[in-house]
Amino acid sequence: VVPRVTGTIPLTVYTGSMEPTIATGAVVLIEPVDPSTLVPGDVITYQVAPDVDEYITHRIVSVQPDTSPPSFVTKGDNNDGAD
């Protein structure tokens, strides 16, 4: 009921890349936002490729301002390197 009321989409986290902030098995509620409002430190969920039903939830470490719309470098809190 909550997703219908709030306009969010529930997704289950399948890896530990965001632990301890977001635990493996946790459910995150995602909602579309204007990409121009996002800043480093925000946690985002993105689709890995068009028409691929796979999503990644990671933290923004930098914004690439010369792209339109903006693109982001992300990193899982528990990962050594950025995406």
Protein backbone atom coordinates (compact mmCIF):
# COMPACT_ATOMS: atom_id res chain seq x y z
CA VAL A 1 0.00 0.00 0.00
CA VAL A 2 2.80 2.47 0.86
CA PRO A 3 4.34 2.51 -2.66
CA ARG A 4 0.98 3.22 -4.26
CA VAL A 5 0.29 6.12 -1.91
CA THR A 6 3.77 7.65 -2.10
CA GLY A 7 4.52 6.93 -5.77
CA THR A 8 7.64 4.96 -4.88
CA ILE A 9 8.91 1.62 -6.20
CA PRO A 10 10.21 -1.00 -3.74
CA LEU A 11 13.44 -2.83 -4.65
CA THR A 12 15.37 -5.41 -2.65
CA VAL A 13 19.10 -4.93 -2.12
CA TYR A 14 20.90 -8.16 -3.11
CA THR A 15 24.53 -7.33 -2.32
CA GLY A 16 26.52 -5.85 0.55
CA SER A 17 27.98 -2.98 -1.48
CA MET A 18 26.19 -0.36 0.63
CA GLU A 19 26.68 -1.96 4.06
CA PRO A 20 26.51 -0.93 6.81
CA THR A 21 24.31 1.95 5.58
CA ILE A 22 21.93 -0.34 3.66
CA ALA A 23 21.96 -4.02 4.62
CA THR A 24 21.80 -6.92 2.20
CA GLY A 25 18.14 -7.92 1.96
CA ALA A 26 16.85 -4.45 2.83
CA VAL A 27 14.04 -2.95 0.78
CA VAL A 28 14.66 0.51 -0.63
CA LEU A 29 11.86 2.74 -1.90
CA ILE A 30 12.87 4.65 -5.00
CA GLU A 31 11.21 7.57 -6.73
CA PRO A 32 12.12 9.55 -9.84
CA VAL A 33 13.90 12.86 -9.20
CA ASP A 34 15.30 15.67 -11.30
CA PRO A 35 18.97 14.68 -11.85
CA SER A 36 20.06 18.31 -11.64
CA THR A 37 19.08 18.32 -7.94
CA LEU A 38 21.46 15.48 -7.00
CA VAL A 39 24.76 16.18 -5.24
CA PRO A 40 27.73 14.14 -3.98
CA GLY A 41 26.68 12.19 -0.91
CA ASP A 42 23.19 11.40 -2.22
CA VAL A 43 22.30 7.72 -2.58
CA ILE A 44 20.75 6.88 -5.95
CA THR A 45 19.38 3.80 -7.67
CA TYR A 46 19.98 3.50 -11.38
CA GLN A 47 19.30 0.98 -14.11
CA VAL A 48 22.50 -0.62 -15.45
CA ALA A 49 21.37 -0.37 -19.10
CA PRO A 50 18.19 0.33 -21.05
CA ASP A 51 15.87 -2.68 -21.17
CA VAL A 52 17.94 -4.51 -18.53
CA ASP A 53 16.00 -5.31 -15.35
CA GLU A 54 19.00 -4.76 -13.06
CA TYR A 55 19.50 -1.84 -10.72
CA ILE A 56 22.36 -0.53 -8.57
CA THR A 57 21.99 1.53 -5.41
CA HIS A 58 25.18 3.49 -4.66
CA ARG A 59 26.30 6.85 -3.33
CA ILE A 60 27.22 9.73 -5.65
CA VAL A 61 30.91 10.65 -5.25
CA SER A 62 31.03 13.23 -8.03
CA VAL A 63 28.85 14.89 -10.65
CA GLN A 64 29.99 15.20 -14.26
CA PRO A 65 28.62 18.70 -14.97
CA ASP A 66 29.53 18.82 -18.68
CA THR A 67 26.88 16.27 -19.65
CA SER A 68 23.21 16.89 -20.24
CA PRO A 69 21.51 15.49 -18.29
CA PRO A 70 24.26 15.32 -15.67
CA SER A 71 26.00 11.99 -15.17
CA PHE A 72 27.42 10.66 -11.94
CA VAL A 73 30.36 8.71 -10.56
CA THR A 74 29.05 6.43 -7.81
CA LYS A 75 30.51 4.08 -5.27
CA GLY A 76 29.12 1.52 -2.89
CA ASP A 77 29.95 2.46 0.71
CA ASN A 78 31.49 -0.99 1.19
CA ASN A 79 33.37 -1.06 -2.15
CA ASP A 80 37.02 -0.15 -2.72
CA GLY A 81 36.53 1.65 -6.04
CA ALA A 82 34.06 3.91 -7.77
CA ASP A 83 31.73 2.85 -10.59
